C-alpha atoms as a PDB file:
ATOM      1  CA  MET A   1      60.829 201.496 275.840  1.00  0.00           C
ATOM      2  CA  GLY A   2      59.548 200.692 272.353  1.00  0.00           C
ATOM      3  CA  VAL A   3      61.376 200.121 269.108  1.00  0.00           C
ATOM      4  CA  PRO A   4      62.897 203.461 267.989  1.00  0.00           C
ATOM      5  CA  VAL A   5      61.913 204.741 264.565  1.00  0.00           C
ATOM      6  CA  PHE A   6      62.629 208.493 264.815  1.00  0.00           C
ATOM      7  CA  GLU A   7      60.086 209.690 262.257  1.00  0.00           C
ATOM      8  CA  LYS A   8      59.666 213.161 263.786  1.00  0.00           C
ATOM      9  CA  ILE A   9      62.859 215.144 264.355  1.00  0.00           C
ATOM     10  CA  LEU A  10      63.310 218.461 266.150  1.00  0.00           C
ATOM     11  CA  PHE A  11      66.256 220.417 264.779  1.00  0.00           C
ATOM     12  CA  PRO A  12      67.314 223.544 266.711  1.00  0.00           C
ATOM     13  CA  THR A  13      69.307 225.711 264.319  1.00  0.00           C
ATOM     14  CA  ASP A  14      71.570 228.721 264.760  1.00  0.00           C
ATOM     15  CA  PHE A  15      71.933 229.132 260.950  1.00  0.00           C
ATOM     16  CA  SER A  16      75.665 228.416 261.132  1.00  0.00           C
ATOM     17  CA  ALA A  17      77.653 226.565 258.465  1.00  0.00           C
ATOM     18  CA  HIS A  18      77.445 223.470 260.679  1.00  0.00           C
ATOM     19  CA  ALA A  19      73.659 223.766 260.845  1.00  0.00           C
ATOM     20  CA  GLN A  20      73.479 224.059 257.052  1.00  0.00           C
ATOM     21  CA  ALA A  21      75.521 220.862 256.660  1.00  0.00           C
ATOM     22  CA  GLU A  22      73.203 219.107 259.079  1.00  0.00           C
ATOM     23  CA  LEU A  23      70.196 220.095 256.983  1.00  0.00           C
ATOM     24  CA  ASP A  24      71.740 218.110 254.134  1.00  0.00           C
ATOM     25  CA  CYS A  25      72.209 215.182 256.516  1.00  0.00           C
ATOM     26  CA  LEU A  26      68.678 215.310 257.908  1.00  0.00           C
ATOM     27  CA  SER A  27      67.162 215.098 254.448  1.00  0.00           C
ATOM     28  CA  GLY A  28      68.702 211.655 254.016  1.00  0.00           C
ATOM     29  CA  PHE A  29      68.121 210.421 257.558  1.00  0.00           C
ATOM     30  CA  PRO A  30      66.443 206.969 257.584  1.00  0.00           C
ATOM     31  CA  HIS A  31      62.698 206.826 258.385  1.00  0.00           C
ATOM     32  CA  VAL A  32      62.284 210.597 258.863  1.00  0.00           C
ATOM     33  CA  ARG A  33      58.868 211.926 257.848  1.00  0.00           C
ATOM     34  CA  GLU A  34      58.714 215.269 259.618  1.00  0.00           C
ATOM     35  CA  ILE A  35      61.362 217.817 260.587  1.00  0.00           C
ATOM     36  CA  HIS A  36      60.504 220.646 262.961  1.00  0.00           C
ATOM     37  CA  LEU A  37      62.955 223.542 262.556  1.00  0.00           C
ATOM     38  CA  LEU A  38      63.363 225.608 265.702  1.00  0.00           C
ATOM     39  CA  HIS A  39      65.218 228.829 266.364  1.00  0.00           C
ATOM     40  CA  VAL A  40      65.417 230.289 269.854  1.00  0.00           C
ATOM     41  CA  VAL A  41      65.930 234.041 269.980  1.00  0.00           C
ATOM     42  CA  ARG A  42      67.660 235.057 273.174  1.00  0.00           C
ATOM     43  CA  GLU A  43      65.585 237.560 275.122  1.00  0.00           C
ATOM     44  CA  PHE A  44      66.608 241.207 274.745  1.00  0.00           C
ATOM     45  CA  PRO A  45      65.938 243.992 277.263  1.00  0.00           C
ATOM     46  CA  ILE A  46      64.910 246.198 274.317  1.00  0.00           C
ATOM     47  CA  PRO A  47      61.638 244.899 272.752  1.00  0.00           C
ATOM     48  CA  VAL A  48      62.237 246.468 269.322  1.00  0.00           C
ATOM     49  CA  ILE A  49      65.529 244.564 268.923  1.00  0.00           C
ATOM     50  CA  GLU A  50      63.805 241.343 269.957  1.00  0.00           C
ATOM     51  CA  ARG A  51      61.039 241.868 267.378  1.00  0.00           C
ATOM     52  CA  LEU A  52      63.593 242.601 264.663  1.00  0.00           C
ATOM     53  CA  ALA A  53      65.573 239.452 265.525  1.00  0.00           C
ATOM     54  CA  THR A  54      62.380 237.377 265.388  1.00  0.00           C
ATOM     55  CA  LYS A  55      61.446 238.789 261.974  1.00  0.00           C
ATOM     56  CA  VAL A  56      64.888 238.042 260.526  1.00  0.00           C
ATOM     57  CA  THR A  57      64.806 234.572 262.058  1.00  0.00           C
ATOM     58  CA  LYS A  58      61.514 233.730 260.329  1.00  0.00           C
ATOM     59  CA  GLU A  59      63.038 234.657 256.974  1.00  0.00           C
ATOM     60  CA  TYR A  60      66.014 232.364 257.596  1.00  0.00           C
ATOM     61  CA  LEU A  61      63.716 229.517 258.672  1.00  0.00           C
ATOM     62  CA  GLU A  62      61.571 229.868 255.559  1.00  0.00           C
ATOM     63  CA  GLU A  63      64.723 229.682 253.453  1.00  0.00           C
ATOM     64  CA  ALA A  64      65.847 226.554 255.335  1.00  0.00           C
ATOM     65  CA  LYS A  65      62.413 224.988 254.836  1.00  0.00           C
ATOM     66  CA  ARG A  66      62.507 225.550 251.071  1.00  0.00           C
ATOM     67  CA  TYR A  67      65.993 224.050 250.954  1.00  0.00           C
ATOM     68  CA  LEU A  68      64.961 220.927 252.889  1.00  0.00           C
ATOM     69  CA  GLU A  69      61.881 220.430 250.730  1.00  0.00           C
ATOM     70  CA  SER A  70      64.041 220.682 247.600  1.00  0.00           C
ATOM     71  CA  LEU A  71      66.281 217.921 248.958  1.00  0.00           C
ATOM     72  CA  ASN A  72      63.436 215.598 249.945  1.00  0.00           C
ATOM     73  CA  PRO A  73      59.869 216.584 248.972  1.00  0.00           C
ATOM     74  CA  ALA A  74      58.466 213.641 250.992  1.00  0.00           C
ATOM     75  CA  ILE A  75      59.446 215.302 254.285  1.00  0.00           C
ATOM     76  CA  THR A  76      56.976 217.610 256.036  1.00  0.00           C
ATOM     77  CA  VAL A  77      58.814 220.670 257.378  1.00  0.00           C
ATOM     78  CA  THR A  78      57.340 222.841 260.128  1.00  0.00           C
ATOM     79  CA  LEU A  79      58.804 226.013 261.656  1.00  0.00           C
ATOM     80  CA  ASP A  80      58.938 227.567 265.087  1.00  0.00           C
ATOM     81  CA  VAL A  81      60.487 230.732 266.501  1.00  0.00           C
ATOM     82  CA  THR A  82      60.475 231.325 270.220  1.00  0.00           C
ATOM     83  CA  THR A  83      62.093 233.798 272.599  1.00  0.00           C
ATOM     84  CA  ALA A  84      63.705 232.656 275.827  1.00  0.00           C
ATOM     85  CA  ARG A  85      66.573 233.214 278.216  1.00  0.00           C
ATOM     86  CA  ASP A  86      66.939 229.470 278.741  1.00  0.00           C
ATOM     87  CA  ILE A  87      67.729 228.130 275.266  1.00  0.00           C
ATOM     88  CA  ALA A  88      68.137 224.499 276.318  1.00  0.00           C
ATOM     89  CA  GLY A  89      64.844 224.643 278.205  1.00  0.00           C
ATOM     90  CA  ALA A  90      63.088 226.099 275.163  1.00  0.00           C
ATOM     91  CA  ILE A  91      64.441 223.287 273.000  1.00  0.00           C
ATOM     92  CA  LEU A  92      63.169 220.608 275.385  1.00  0.00           C
ATOM     93  CA  ASP A  93      59.797 222.366 275.708  1.00  0.00           C
ATOM     94  CA  ALA A  94      59.472 222.385 271.910  1.00  0.00           C
ATOM     95  CA  ALA A  95      60.351 218.686 271.762  1.00  0.00           C
ATOM     96  CA  GLY A  96      57.547 217.915 274.189  1.00  0.00           C
ATOM     97  CA  ALA A  97      55.032 220.177 272.456  1.00  0.00           C
ATOM     98  CA  THR A  98      55.710 218.734 268.988  1.00  0.00           C
ATOM     99  CA  GLY A  99      55.969 215.119 270.125  1.00  0.00           C
ATOM    100  CA  ALA A 100      59.437 214.796 268.614  1.00  0.00           C
ATOM    101  CA  ASP A 101      61.019 211.329 268.667  1.00  0.00           C
ATOM    102  CA  LEU A 102      64.503 212.784 268.465  1.00  0.00           C
ATOM    103  CA  ILE A 103      66.374 216.050 268.944  1.00  0.00           C
ATOM    104  CA  VAL A 104      69.283 216.409 266.506  1.00  0.00           C
ATOM    105  CA  ILE A 105      71.819 218.980 267.609  1.00  0.00           C
ATOM    106  CA  SER A 106      75.400 219.806 266.698  1.00  0.00           C
ATOM    107  CA  GLY A 107      78.165 219.826 269.276  1.00  0.00           C
ATOM    108  CA  TYR A 108      79.594 223.215 270.196  1.00  0.00           C
ATOM    109  CA  ALA A 109      77.511 225.315 267.838  1.00  0.00           C
ATOM    110  CA  THR A 110      78.814 228.789 268.672  1.00  0.00           C
ATOM    111  CA  SER A 111      77.969 231.151 265.832  1.00  0.00           C
ATOM    112  CA  TYR A 112      75.913 234.310 266.167  1.00  0.00           C
ATOM    113  CA  ARG A 113      73.078 235.025 263.779  1.00  0.00           C
ATOM    114  CA  ALA A 114      69.647 236.545 264.318  1.00  0.00           C
ATOM    115  CA  GLY A 115      70.308 236.947 268.032  1.00  0.00           C
ATOM    116  CA  ILE A 116      71.171 233.434 269.220  1.00  0.00           C
ATOM    117  CA  LEU A 117      74.231 231.887 270.787  1.00  0.00           C
ATOM    118  CA  LEU A 118      73.924 228.141 271.280  1.00  0.00           C
ATOM    119  CA  GLY A 119      77.339 227.687 272.908  1.00  0.00           C
ATOM    120  CA  ARG A 120      77.324 224.607 275.149  1.00  0.00           C
ATOM    121  CA  VAL A 121      73.627 223.958 274.711  1.00  0.00           C
ATOM    122  CA  PRO A 122      74.100 220.246 273.830  1.00  0.00           C
ATOM    123  CA  ALA A 123      75.616 219.508 277.252  1.00  0.00           C
ATOM    124  CA  THR A 124      72.819 221.445 278.966  1.00  0.00           C
ATOM    125  CA  VAL A 125      70.132 219.623 276.979  1.00  0.00           C
ATOM    126  CA  LEU A 126      71.627 216.282 278.034  1.00  0.00           C
ATOM    127  CA  CYS A 127      71.692 217.347 281.694  1.00  0.00           C
ATOM    128  CA  ARG A 128      68.028 218.298 281.861  1.00  0.00           C
ATOM    129  CA  ILE A 129      65.191 215.981 282.829  1.00  0.00           C
ATOM    130  CA  SER A 130      63.587 214.846 279.590  1.00  0.00           C
ATOM    131  CA  ARG A 131      61.974 211.910 277.797  1.00  0.00           C
ATOM    132  CA  THR A 132      63.208 212.936 274.357  1.00  0.00           C
ATOM    133  CA  ASN A 133      66.136 211.097 272.797  1.00  0.00           C
ATOM    134  CA  VAL A 134      69.044 213.233 271.602  1.00  0.00           C
ATOM    135  CA  LEU A 135      71.437 212.755 268.684  1.00  0.00           C
ATOM    136  CA  VAL A 136      74.574 214.886 268.885  1.00  0.00           C
ATOM    137  CA  MET A 137      76.582 215.394 265.693  1.00  0.00           C
ATOM    138  CA  PRO A 138      80.161 216.502 266.522  1.00  0.00           C
ATOM    139  CA  ASN A 139      81.339 219.568 264.632  1.00  0.00           C
ATOM    140  CA  ARG A 140      84.478 217.734 263.508  1.00  0.00           C
ATOM    141  CA  LEU A 141      82.233 215.185 261.817  1.00  0.00           C
ATOM    142  CA  ILE A 142      79.907 217.794 260.323  1.00  0.00           C
ATOM    143  CA  ASP A 143      82.888 219.508 258.673  1.00  0.00           C
ATOM    144  CA  SER A 144      83.551 216.324 256.692  1.00  0.00           C
ATOM    145  CA  LEU A 145      79.987 215.523 255.603  1.00  0.00           C
ATOM    146  CA  GLN A 146      80.504 214.910 251.916  1.00  0.00           C
ATOM    147  CA  GLY A 147      80.955 211.933 249.631  1.00  0.00           C
ATOM    148  CA  LYS A 148      81.455 208.653 251.477  1.00  0.00           C
ATOM    149  CA  THR A 149      81.351 210.385 254.866  1.00  0.00           C
ATOM    150  CA  TYR A 150      77.890 211.785 254.126  1.00  0.00           C
ATOM    151  CA  SER A 151      76.588 208.407 252.986  1.00  0.00           C
ATOM    152  CA  LYS A 152      77.918 206.659 256.083  1.00  0.00           C
ATOM    153  CA  PHE A 153      76.792 209.052 258.767  1.00  0.00           C
ATOM    154  CA  CYS A 154      73.507 210.243 257.233  1.00  0.00           C
ATOM    155  CA  ARG A 155      71.980 207.541 255.040  1.00  0.00           C
ATOM    156  CA  ASN A 156      73.536 204.581 256.873  1.00  0.00           C
ATOM    157  CA  ILE A 157      73.865 205.969 260.371  1.00  0.00           C
ATOM    158  CA  PHE A 158      72.481 202.790 262.007  1.00  0.00           C
ATOM    159  CA  ALA A 159      74.645 200.395 259.981  1.00  0.00           C
ATOM    160  CA  LYS A 160      77.382 199.760 262.565  1.00  0.00           C
ATOM    161  CA  VAL A 161      76.437 200.648 266.132  1.00  0.00           C
ATOM    162  CA  LEU A 162      78.631 200.694 269.225  1.00  0.00           C
ATOM    163  CA  CYS A 163      76.607 200.015 272.399  1.00  0.00           C
ATOM    164  CA  PRO A 164      78.570 200.642 275.614  1.00  0.00           C
ATOM    165  CA  THR A 165      77.002 199.026 278.684  1.00  0.00           C
ATOM    166  CA  ASP A 166      77.458 199.237 282.436  1.00  0.00           C
ATOM    167  CA  PHE A 167      75.089 196.237 282.811  1.00  0.00           C
ATOM    168  CA  SER A 168      72.354 198.392 284.362  1.00  0.00           C
ATOM    169  CA  GLU A 169      68.749 197.474 283.576  1.00  0.00           C
ATOM    170  CA  PHE A 170      68.170 200.622 281.554  1.00  0.00           C
ATOM    171  CA  SER A 171      71.400 200.147 279.608  1.00  0.00           C
ATOM    172  CA  GLN A 172      70.236 196.679 278.585  1.00  0.00           C
ATOM    173  CA  LYS A 173      66.830 198.036 277.538  1.00  0.00           C
ATOM    174  CA  ALA A 174      68.559 200.597 275.339  1.00  0.00           C
ATOM    175  CA  ILE A 175      70.671 197.867 273.747  1.00  0.00           C
ATOM    176  CA  ALA A 176      67.513 195.852 273.050  1.00  0.00           C
ATOM    177  CA  CYS A 177      66.132 198.899 271.210  1.00  0.00           C
ATOM    178  CA  ALA A 178      69.296 199.095 269.125  1.00  0.00           C
ATOM    179  CA  GLY A 179      68.923 195.421 268.264  1.00  0.00           C
ATOM    180  CA  ALA A 180      65.388 195.978 267.028  1.00  0.00           C
ATOM    181  CA  ALA A 181      65.998 199.225 265.147  1.00  0.00           C
ATOM    182  CA  GLY A 182      65.724 199.196 261.373  1.00  0.00           C
ATOM    183  CA  GLY A 183      68.862 199.506 259.300  1.00  0.00           C
ATOM    184  CA  VAL A 184      71.198 197.978 261.900  1.00  0.00           C
ATOM    185  CA  LYS A 185      73.665 195.560 260.327  1.00  0.00           C
ATOM    186  CA  GLU A 186      76.230 195.172 263.098  1.00  0.00           C
ATOM    187  CA  ILE A 187      76.257 195.804 266.866  1.00  0.00           C
ATOM    188  CA  LEU A 188      79.346 196.003 269.038  1.00  0.00           C
ATOM    189  CA  LEU A 189      78.650 195.431 272.727  1.00  0.00           C
ATOM    190  CA  LEU A 190      81.309 197.170 274.820  1.00  0.00           C
ATOM    191  CA  HIS A 191      82.073 197.165 278.524  1.00  0.00           C
ATOM    192  CA  VAL A 192      84.958 199.245 279.876  1.00  0.00           C
ATOM    193  CA  ILE A 193      86.180 198.246 283.337  1.00  0.00           C
ATOM    194  CA  PRO A 194      87.298 201.450 285.112  1.00  0.00           C
ATOM    195  CA  ASP A 195      90.861 201.361 286.443  1.00  0.00           C
ATOM    196  CA  THR A 196      89.554 202.860 289.685  1.00  0.00           C
ATOM    197  CA  ALA A 197      86.863 200.204 290.217  1.00  0.00           C
ATOM    198  CA  LYS A 198      87.198 198.808 293.738  1.00  0.00           C
ATOM    199  CA  ASP A 199      84.817 195.939 293.030  1.00  0.00           C
ATOM    200  CA  PRO A 200      84.895 195.117 289.293  1.00  0.00           C
ATOM    201  CA  THR A 201      81.767 193.632 287.767  1.00  0.00           C
ATOM    202  CA  PRO A 202      81.841 189.835 288.288  1.00  0.00           C
ATOM    203  CA  ASP A 203      82.634 187.969 285.059  1.00  0.00           C
ATOM    204  CA  PRO A 204      81.884 190.853 282.624  1.00  0.00           C
ATOM    205  CA  LYS A 205      82.748 188.688 279.623  1.00  0.00           C
ATOM    206  CA  THR A 206      79.968 186.245 280.472  1.00  0.00           C
ATOM    207  CA  ARG A 207      77.537 189.098 281.072  1.00  0.00           C
ATOM    208  CA  LEU A 208      78.311 190.583 277.655  1.00  0.00           C
ATOM    209  CA  HIS A 209      77.629 187.235 276.007  1.00  0.00           C
ATOM    210  CA  ARG A 210      74.319 186.947 277.894  1.00  0.00           C
ATOM    211  CA  ILE A 211      73.231 190.332 276.546  1.00  0.00           C
ATOM    212  CA  ARG A 212      74.281 189.208 273.085  1.00  0.00           C
ATOM    213  CA  GLU A 213      71.999 186.181 273.368  1.00  0.00           C
ATOM    214  CA  THR A 214      69.004 188.387 274.204  1.00  0.00           C
ATOM    215  CA  LEU A 215      69.225 190.323 270.937  1.00  0.00           C
ATOM    216  CA  PRO A 216      66.821 189.362 268.126  1.00  0.00           C
ATOM    217  CA  HIS A 217      68.018 186.527 265.942  1.00  0.00           C
ATOM    218  CA  ARG A 218      68.045 188.181 262.548  1.00  0.00           C
ATOM    219  CA  LYS A 219      70.639 189.270 260.038  1.00  0.00           C
ATOM    220  CA  VAL A 220      72.582 191.416 262.503  1.00  0.00           C
ATOM    221  CA  LYS A 221      76.181 190.646 263.358  1.00  0.00           C
ATOM    222  CA  VAL A 222      76.887 191.048 267.098  1.00  0.00           C
ATOM    223  CA  ARG A 223      80.341 191.169 268.668  1.00  0.00           C
ATOM    224  CA  THR A 224      81.436 191.697 272.272  1.00  0.00           C
ATOM    225  CA  ILE A 225      84.402 193.826 273.352  1.00  0.00           C
ATOM    226  CA  LEU A 226      85.885 194.052 276.849  1.00  0.00           C
ATOM    227  CA  LYS A 227      88.349 196.818 277.726  1.00  0.00           C
ATOM    228  CA  SER A 228      89.792 198.404 280.858  1.00  0.00           C
ATOM    229  CA  GLY A 229      90.632 202.020 281.592  1.00  0.00           C
ATOM    230  CA  ASP A 230      88.772 205.320 281.712  1.00  0.00           C
ATOM    231  CA  PRO A 231      85.278 204.608 280.254  1.00  0.00           C
ATOM    232  CA  ALA A 232      84.742 207.764 278.153  1.00  0.00           C
ATOM    233  CA  PRO A 233      88.104 207.744 276.330  1.00  0.00           C
ATOM    234  CA  GLY A 234      87.800 203.964 276.025  1.00  0.00           C
ATOM    235  CA  ILE A 235      84.435 204.258 274.296  1.00  0.00           C
ATOM    236  CA  ALA A 236      85.685 206.962 271.930  1.00  0.00           C
ATOM    237  CA  ARG A 237      88.827 204.962 271.137  1.00  0.00           C
ATOM    238  CA  VAL A 238      86.903 201.775 270.291  1.00  0.00           C
ATOM    239  CA  ALA A 239      84.487 203.800 268.151  1.00  0.00           C
ATOM    240  CA  GLY A 240      87.413 205.039 266.088  1.00  0.00           C
ATOM    241  CA  GLU A 241      89.261 201.717 265.912  1.00  0.00           C
ATOM    242  CA  GLU A 242      86.126 199.890 264.783  1.00  0.00           C
ATOM    243  CA  ASP A 243      85.002 202.732 262.493  1.00  0.00           C
ATOM    244  CA  VAL A 244      81.420 202.666 263.791  1.00  0.00           C
ATOM    245  CA  SER A 245      78.703 204.832 262.284  1.00  0.00           C
ATOM    246  CA  LEU A 246      76.975 205.578 265.613  1.00  0.00           C
ATOM    247  CA  ILE A 247      77.557 205.356 269.367  1.00  0.00           C
ATOM    248  CA  TRP A 248      74.330 204.307 271.109  1.00  0.00           C
ATOM    249  CA  MET A 249      74.275 205.305 274.797  1.00  0.00           C
ATOM    250  CA  SER A 250      71.694 205.681 277.530  1.00  0.00           C
ATOM    251  CA  VAL A 251      70.877 207.775 280.577  1.00  0.00           C
ATOM    252  CA  GLU A 252      67.738 207.458 282.665  1.00  0.00           C
ATOM    253  CA  GLY A 253      66.577 211.004 281.993  1.00  0.00           C
ATOM    254  CA  LYS A 254      66.832 212.304 285.562  1.00  0.00           C
ATOM    255  CA  GLY A 255      69.551 214.835 284.841  1.00  0.00           C
ATOM    256  CA  CYS A 256      73.308 214.893 285.302  1.00  0.00           C
ATOM    257  CA  LEU A 257      73.133 215.811 288.973  1.00  0.00           C
ATOM    258  CA  HIS A 258      70.980 212.760 289.711  1.00  0.00           C
ATOM    259  CA  GLU A 259      72.889 210.341 287.465  1.00  0.00           C
ATOM    260  CA  PHE A 260      76.282 212.008 287.876  1.00  0.00           C
ATOM    261  CA  LEU A 261      78.559 209.151 286.834  1.00  0.00           C
ATOM    262  CA  ALA A 262      76.548 207.929 283.836  1.00  0.00           C
ATOM    263  CA  GLY A 263      75.709 211.481 282.826  1.00  0.00           C
ATOM    264  CA  SER A 264      79.332 212.615 282.922  1.00  0.00           C
ATOM    265  CA  ILE A 265      80.491 209.647 280.818  1.00  0.00           C
ATOM    266  CA  VAL A 266      77.862 210.398 278.176  1.00  0.00           C
ATOM    267  CA  GLN A 267      78.839 214.075 278.129  1.00  0.00           C
ATOM    268  CA  ASP A 268      82.534 213.257 277.822  1.00  0.00           C
ATOM    269  CA  VAL A 269      81.890 210.941 274.874  1.00  0.00           C
ATOM    270  CA  VAL A 270      79.659 213.551 273.230  1.00  0.00           C
ATOM    271  CA  THR A 271      82.080 216.444 273.686  1.00  0.00           C
ATOM    272  CA  THR A 272      85.343 214.685 272.858  1.00  0.00           C
ATOM    273  CA  GLY A 273      84.348 212.063 270.289  1.00  0.00           C
ATOM    274  CA  LYS A 274      84.262 212.200 266.499  1.00  0.00           C
ATOM    275  CA  ARG A 275      81.206 209.977 265.964  1.00  0.00           C
ATOM    276  CA  PRO A 276      77.476 210.719 266.205  1.00  0.00           C
ATOM    277  CA  VAL A 277      76.164 209.877 269.677  1.00  0.00           C
ATOM    278  CA  LEU A 278      72.555 208.814 270.164  1.00  0.00           C
ATOM    279  CA  VAL A 279      71.472 209.205 273.782  1.00  0.00           C
ATOM    280  CA  MET A 280      68.391 207.180 274.676  1.00  0.00           C
ATOM    281  CA  ARG A 281      66.370 208.813 277.440  1.00  0.00           C
ATOM    282  CA  SER A 282      63.740 207.555 279.857  1.00  0.00           C
ATOM    283  CA  VAL A 283      62.282 208.644 283.189  1.00  0.00           C
ATOM    284  CA  GLU A 284      60.756 205.249 283.942  1.00  0.00           C
END
């Protein structure tokens, strides 16, 4: 797992008000050089309706492209319209085909326009086998993207990062990536001991400090936090109390059915939290 830069972003859009706000955010996203705008038209049993929806979609995408280019002329914007029954699958296929470093998607995007309903697509995308990292922007956050909120969560999204860990090997690799990422000023290492744990992790405080010592010695402040309780609410609560700009999590990319516990925790944080959640993926 190399150092994340996220220069090429795939943005699936449903042309909702939330998607429009995210376009503003993407234009100021650190390191981005290329944005691939994707719209998935849900398959229709009547071909003429499907063709009409595709035509209208292309017009909306062209408008979104012009808007993005007006915000940041240095960004290359490419467009794609595809038709599919499986919207989440089409998004992941597009990520693979374009070589995207990151999929940026809003939580609970539910608006109709040009024949698409995203609905609970973010949860489905996270459950599928994939190598592509995913950044989920909660709708409650998107609604407030202006002024200081915009600056914090768009231009300085890596400034203060919360990294929950279960001490697994992949979790520690993901934390190492966070430590090496550009723009990071502070990292909070968090372990939540589940109330239901029959055999709690031996000496978690010491293990947190060991992870802290493995992070690069540069101008990044690192703190450790140990809590007990239900992991997902605990992570969301600490994120709010510490006012972090990003929650940095990890799953091994084998799908929620394979990694049920880790997958469900990530989904719960994504669907109930108020902070952007970056989910690092790997199938190694």
